[in-house]
Structures are given as C-alpha cells and as structure tokens.
Amino acid sequence: MSDTDERFAARLDVTGMLCPMPVLRARRKLDDLKAGDMLLVVASDPNVVQDMPAFCTMAGHTLVMARQEGDQFLFEIKKGQSTEKN
C-alpha cells in the first residue's frame, strides 16, 4: 500500500506499541479529523485485531477494512458523525 493513498486524511503508525496504546492513539487522531474522513492505522500488536473493531463499534466509527500484511495489521477507519467536534 502506498503511504500517499489519497483516500486517507491521516495515517497513524503505532507499530511496536502494545494495547491499549494503538486504540488510544487512534482515538486521539480521529478526534482531529472531520466526520467522514478516513484514517489508516498500522499496528503490530496481535491484540489490536480484537480491540480496534470493538473500539470502532463503541465510538461510532466504521471499520471499512482490516487486513494483515506480513507482521503488520492495517485498519481503514471512517470517522463517524457522533464524535465530531464543533
């Protein structure tokens, strides 16, 4: 995947961080984005496979795609309407 993929408003690399840090960093990054913006999260902790989808559901975001590439886990997240700051 190209780092310059235009679908994403932001990219977050949390490689090397253990849960819950990837989810907490994703939450912070999403707070800075507008509703409908896409965030790409790259992580290495296998626990994120369960934690990131649960976070998206609870926070009202859409997990568009989750996949593994080698030893990395990639998550494409679309920011939901309910968490947009005014």
N, C-alpha and C. Protein backbone atom coordinates (compact mmCIF):
# COMPACT_ATOMS: atom_id res chain seq x y z
N MET A 1 0.84 -1.18 0.00
CA MET A 1 0.00 0.00 0.00
C MET A 1 0.88 1.23 0.00
N SER A 2 0.50 2.20 -0.77
CA SER A 2 1.23 3.45 -0.86
C SER A 2 0.90 4.34 0.34
N ASP A 3 1.93 4.96 0.91
CA ASP A 3 1.72 5.89 2.03
C ASP A 3 0.99 7.15 1.58
N THR A 4 0.91 7.39 0.28
CA THR A 4 0.29 8.61 -0.22
C THR A 4 -1.11 8.35 -0.75
N ASP A 5 -1.73 7.25 -0.34
CA ASP A 5 -3.08 6.92 -0.78
C ASP A 5 -4.01 8.08 -0.45
N GLU A 6 -4.63 8.64 -1.47
CA GLU A 6 -5.45 9.84 -1.31
C GLU A 6 -6.76 9.61 -0.58
N ARG A 7 -7.12 8.36 -0.35
CA ARG A 7 -8.37 8.10 0.37
C ARG A 7 -8.28 8.51 1.84
N PHE A 8 -7.05 8.61 2.35
CA PHE A 8 -6.87 8.82 3.78
C PHE A 8 -6.53 10.27 4.12
N ALA A 9 -7.25 10.80 5.09
CA ALA A 9 -6.96 12.14 5.60
C ALA A 9 -5.73 12.09 6.50
N ALA A 10 -5.48 10.90 7.09
CA ALA A 10 -4.34 10.76 8.00
C ALA A 10 -3.91 9.30 8.04
N ARG A 11 -2.64 9.12 8.44
CA ARG A 11 -2.06 7.79 8.62
C ARG A 11 -1.45 7.76 10.01
N LEU A 12 -1.69 6.69 10.74
CA LEU A 12 -1.17 6.55 12.10
C LEU A 12 -0.38 5.25 12.20
N ASP A 13 0.90 5.36 12.50
CA ASP A 13 1.74 4.18 12.66
C ASP A 13 1.99 3.95 14.14
N VAL A 14 1.39 2.88 14.66
CA VAL A 14 1.55 2.53 16.08
C VAL A 14 2.31 1.22 16.21
N THR A 15 3.14 0.93 15.21
CA THR A 15 3.96 -0.27 15.23
C THR A 15 4.86 -0.27 16.46
N GLY A 16 4.90 -1.39 17.16
CA GLY A 16 5.72 -1.51 18.36
C GLY A 16 4.99 -1.18 19.64
N MET A 17 3.82 -0.57 19.54
CA MET A 17 3.04 -0.24 20.73
C MET A 17 2.10 -1.39 21.07
N LEU A 18 1.96 -1.65 22.36
CA LEU A 18 1.06 -2.69 22.83
C LEU A 18 -0.28 -2.10 23.24
N CYS A 19 -1.34 -2.90 23.12
CA CYS A 19 -2.66 -2.46 23.52
C CYS A 19 -2.65 -2.13 25.01
N PRO A 20 -3.30 -1.05 25.37
CA PRO A 20 -4.32 -0.31 24.64
C PRO A 20 -3.82 0.90 23.85
N MET A 21 -2.50 1.10 23.77
CA MET A 21 -1.98 2.31 23.13
C MET A 21 -2.42 2.49 21.68
N PRO A 22 -2.44 1.47 20.82
CA PRO A 22 -2.89 1.70 19.45
C PRO A 22 -4.31 2.26 19.37
N VAL A 23 -5.19 1.76 20.21
CA VAL A 23 -6.58 2.24 20.21
C VAL A 23 -6.65 3.66 20.76
N LEU A 24 -5.91 3.93 21.81
CA LEU A 24 -5.91 5.28 22.39
C LEU A 24 -5.36 6.31 21.41
N ARG A 25 -4.30 5.95 20.70
CA ARG A 25 -3.73 6.86 19.71
C ARG A 25 -4.68 7.06 18.53
N ALA A 26 -5.36 5.99 18.13
CA ALA A 26 -6.34 6.10 17.04
C ALA A 26 -7.47 7.03 17.46
N ARG A 27 -7.92 6.91 18.69
CA ARG A 27 -8.99 7.79 19.18
C ARG A 27 -8.57 9.25 19.12
N ARG A 28 -7.36 9.53 19.58
CA ARG A 28 -6.85 10.91 19.54
C ARG A 28 -6.76 11.43 18.12
N LYS A 29 -6.26 10.61 17.22
CA LYS A 29 -6.11 11.02 15.83
C LYS A 29 -7.48 11.27 15.21
N LEU A 30 -8.44 10.41 15.48
CA LEU A 30 -9.79 10.58 14.94
C LEU A 30 -10.45 11.84 15.49
N ASP A 31 -10.12 12.22 16.72
CA ASP A 31 -10.66 13.45 17.30
C ASP A 31 -10.27 14.68 16.47
N ASP A 32 -9.13 14.61 15.79
CA ASP A 32 -8.63 15.72 14.99
C ASP A 32 -9.20 15.76 13.57
N LEU A 33 -9.92 14.70 13.19
CA LEU A 33 -10.45 14.60 11.82
C LEU A 33 -11.91 15.00 11.77
N LYS A 34 -12.39 15.27 10.56
CA LYS A 34 -13.79 15.59 10.33
C LYS A 34 -14.58 14.31 10.11
N ALA A 35 -15.87 14.35 10.40
CA ALA A 35 -16.74 13.21 10.14
C ALA A 35 -16.64 12.83 8.68
N GLY A 36 -16.50 11.54 8.43
CA GLY A 36 -16.38 11.04 7.07
C GLY A 36 -14.94 10.88 6.59
N ASP A 37 -13.99 11.50 7.30
CA ASP A 37 -12.58 11.34 6.94
C ASP A 37 -12.13 9.91 7.20
N MET A 38 -11.14 9.48 6.43
CA MET A 38 -10.59 8.13 6.58
C MET A 38 -9.23 8.18 7.26
N LEU A 39 -9.02 7.24 8.17
CA LEU A 39 -7.75 7.09 8.88
C LEU A 39 -7.20 5.70 8.60
N LEU A 40 -5.92 5.63 8.28
CA LEU A 40 -5.23 4.35 8.13
C LEU A 40 -4.37 4.14 9.36
N VAL A 41 -4.60 3.03 10.06
CA VAL A 41 -3.82 2.68 11.24
C VAL A 41 -2.97 1.45 10.91
N VAL A 42 -1.68 1.54 11.21
CA VAL A 42 -0.75 0.43 11.01
C VAL A 42 -0.24 0.03 12.39
N ALA A 43 -0.45 -1.24 12.76
CA ALA A 43 -0.09 -1.72 14.09
C ALA A 43 0.63 -3.06 13.98
N SER A 44 1.29 -3.45 15.08
CA SER A 44 1.98 -4.74 15.10
C SER A 44 1.51 -5.66 16.22
N ASP A 45 0.81 -5.15 17.20
CA ASP A 45 0.34 -5.96 18.32
C ASP A 45 -0.85 -6.81 17.88
N PRO A 46 -0.76 -8.14 17.94
CA PRO A 46 -1.87 -9.00 17.52
C PRO A 46 -3.18 -8.74 18.26
N ASN A 47 -3.11 -8.21 19.48
CA ASN A 47 -4.34 -7.93 20.24
C ASN A 47 -5.20 -6.87 19.58
N VAL A 48 -4.60 -6.05 18.74
CA VAL A 48 -5.34 -4.97 18.08
C VAL A 48 -6.41 -5.53 17.14
N VAL A 49 -6.24 -6.78 16.72
CA VAL A 49 -7.22 -7.42 15.83
C VAL A 49 -8.60 -7.48 16.47
N GLN A 50 -8.65 -7.64 17.78
CA GLN A 50 -9.92 -7.64 18.50
C GLN A 50 -10.27 -6.25 19.03
N ASP A 51 -9.26 -5.52 19.48
CA ASP A 51 -9.51 -4.24 20.14
C ASP A 51 -9.97 -3.13 19.19
N MET A 52 -9.40 -3.05 18.00
CA MET A 52 -9.74 -1.95 17.08
C MET A 52 -11.18 -2.05 16.58
N PRO A 53 -11.65 -3.24 16.16
CA PRO A 53 -13.06 -3.32 15.75
C PRO A 53 -14.02 -2.98 16.89
N ALA A 54 -13.70 -3.43 18.10
CA ALA A 54 -14.56 -3.12 19.25
C ALA A 54 -14.59 -1.62 19.52
N PHE A 55 -13.42 -0.98 19.43
CA PHE A 55 -13.36 0.47 19.61
C PHE A 55 -14.22 1.18 18.58
N CYS A 56 -14.08 0.79 17.31
CA CYS A 56 -14.84 1.45 16.24
C CYS A 56 -16.35 1.33 16.49
N THR A 57 -16.79 0.16 16.87
CA THR A 57 -18.21 -0.05 17.14
C THR A 57 -18.67 0.83 18.30
N MET A 58 -17.93 0.84 19.39
CA MET A 58 -18.32 1.61 20.57
C MET A 58 -18.28 3.11 20.32
N ALA A 59 -17.34 3.57 19.50
CA ALA A 59 -17.16 5.01 19.28
C ALA A 59 -17.98 5.54 18.10
N GLY A 60 -18.64 4.65 17.36
CA GLY A 60 -19.47 5.11 16.26
C GLY A 60 -18.74 5.33 14.96
N HIS A 61 -17.56 4.73 14.82
CA HIS A 61 -16.79 4.81 13.59
C HIS A 61 -17.05 3.56 12.76
N THR A 62 -16.72 3.62 11.47
CA THR A 62 -16.89 2.47 10.60
C THR A 62 -15.53 1.87 10.28
N LEU A 63 -15.37 0.60 10.59
CA LEU A 63 -14.16 -0.11 10.20
C LEU A 63 -14.38 -0.61 8.78
N VAL A 64 -13.80 0.11 7.83
CA VAL A 64 -14.02 -0.17 6.41
C VAL A 64 -13.29 -1.45 6.01
N MET A 65 -12.06 -1.61 6.48
CA MET A 65 -11.30 -2.80 6.14
C MET A 65 -10.24 -3.06 7.20
N ALA A 66 -10.01 -4.33 7.47
CA ALA A 66 -8.93 -4.75 8.36
C ALA A 66 -8.22 -5.89 7.66
N ARG A 67 -6.90 -5.82 7.62
CA ARG A 67 -6.15 -6.88 6.97
C ARG A 67 -4.75 -6.97 7.58
N GLN A 68 -4.10 -8.09 7.30
CA GLN A 68 -2.73 -8.30 7.75
C GLN A 68 -1.82 -8.34 6.54
N GLU A 69 -0.72 -7.60 6.63
CA GLU A 69 0.33 -7.61 5.62
C GLU A 69 1.63 -7.94 6.33
N GLY A 70 2.09 -9.16 6.16
CA GLY A 70 3.29 -9.59 6.87
C GLY A 70 3.02 -9.59 8.36
N ASP A 71 3.85 -8.87 9.11
CA ASP A 71 3.67 -8.82 10.57
C ASP A 71 2.94 -7.54 11.00
N GLN A 72 2.32 -6.86 10.05
CA GLN A 72 1.58 -5.63 10.37
C GLN A 72 0.08 -5.84 10.16
N PHE A 73 -0.68 -5.15 10.98
CA PHE A 73 -2.14 -5.15 10.88
C PHE A 73 -2.57 -3.75 10.44
N LEU A 74 -3.37 -3.69 9.38
CA LEU A 74 -3.81 -2.41 8.84
C LEU A 74 -5.32 -2.28 9.01
N PHE A 75 -5.73 -1.10 9.44
CA PHE A 75 -7.14 -0.80 9.66
C PHE A 75 -7.50 0.49 8.93
N GLU A 76 -8.54 0.42 8.12
CA GLU A 76 -9.06 1.60 7.44
C GLU A 76 -10.34 1.99 8.18
N ILE A 77 -10.31 3.16 8.80
CA ILE A 77 -11.41 3.61 9.66
C ILE A 77 -12.01 4.89 9.11
N LYS A 78 -13.32 4.90 8.99
CA LYS A 78 -14.04 6.11 8.57
C LYS A 78 -14.65 6.73 9.82
N LYS A 79 -14.30 7.99 10.07
CA LYS A 79 -14.80 8.67 11.26
C LYS A 79 -16.30 8.83 11.19
N GLY A 80 -16.96 8.50 12.29
CA GLY A 80 -18.42 8.61 12.38
C GLY A 80 -18.88 10.01 12.70
N GLN A 81 -20.15 10.23 12.53
CA GLN A 81 -20.77 11.53 12.78
C GLN A 81 -20.83 11.86 14.27
N SER A 82 -21.06 10.86 15.09
CA SER A 82 -21.37 11.09 16.50
C SER A 82 -20.23 11.67 17.32
N THR A 83 -18.99 11.57 16.83
CA THR A 83 -17.85 12.02 17.62
C THR A 83 -17.23 13.31 17.08
N GLU A 84 -17.87 13.94 16.10
CA GLU A 84 -17.29 15.15 15.50
C GLU A 84 -17.35 16.30 16.49
N LYS A 85 -16.23 17.01 16.61
CA LYS A 85 -16.16 18.19 17.48
C LYS A 85 -16.67 19.39 16.72
N ASN A 86 -17.37 20.27 17.40
CA ASN A 86 -17.88 21.51 16.78
C ASN A 86 -17.09 22.69 17.27
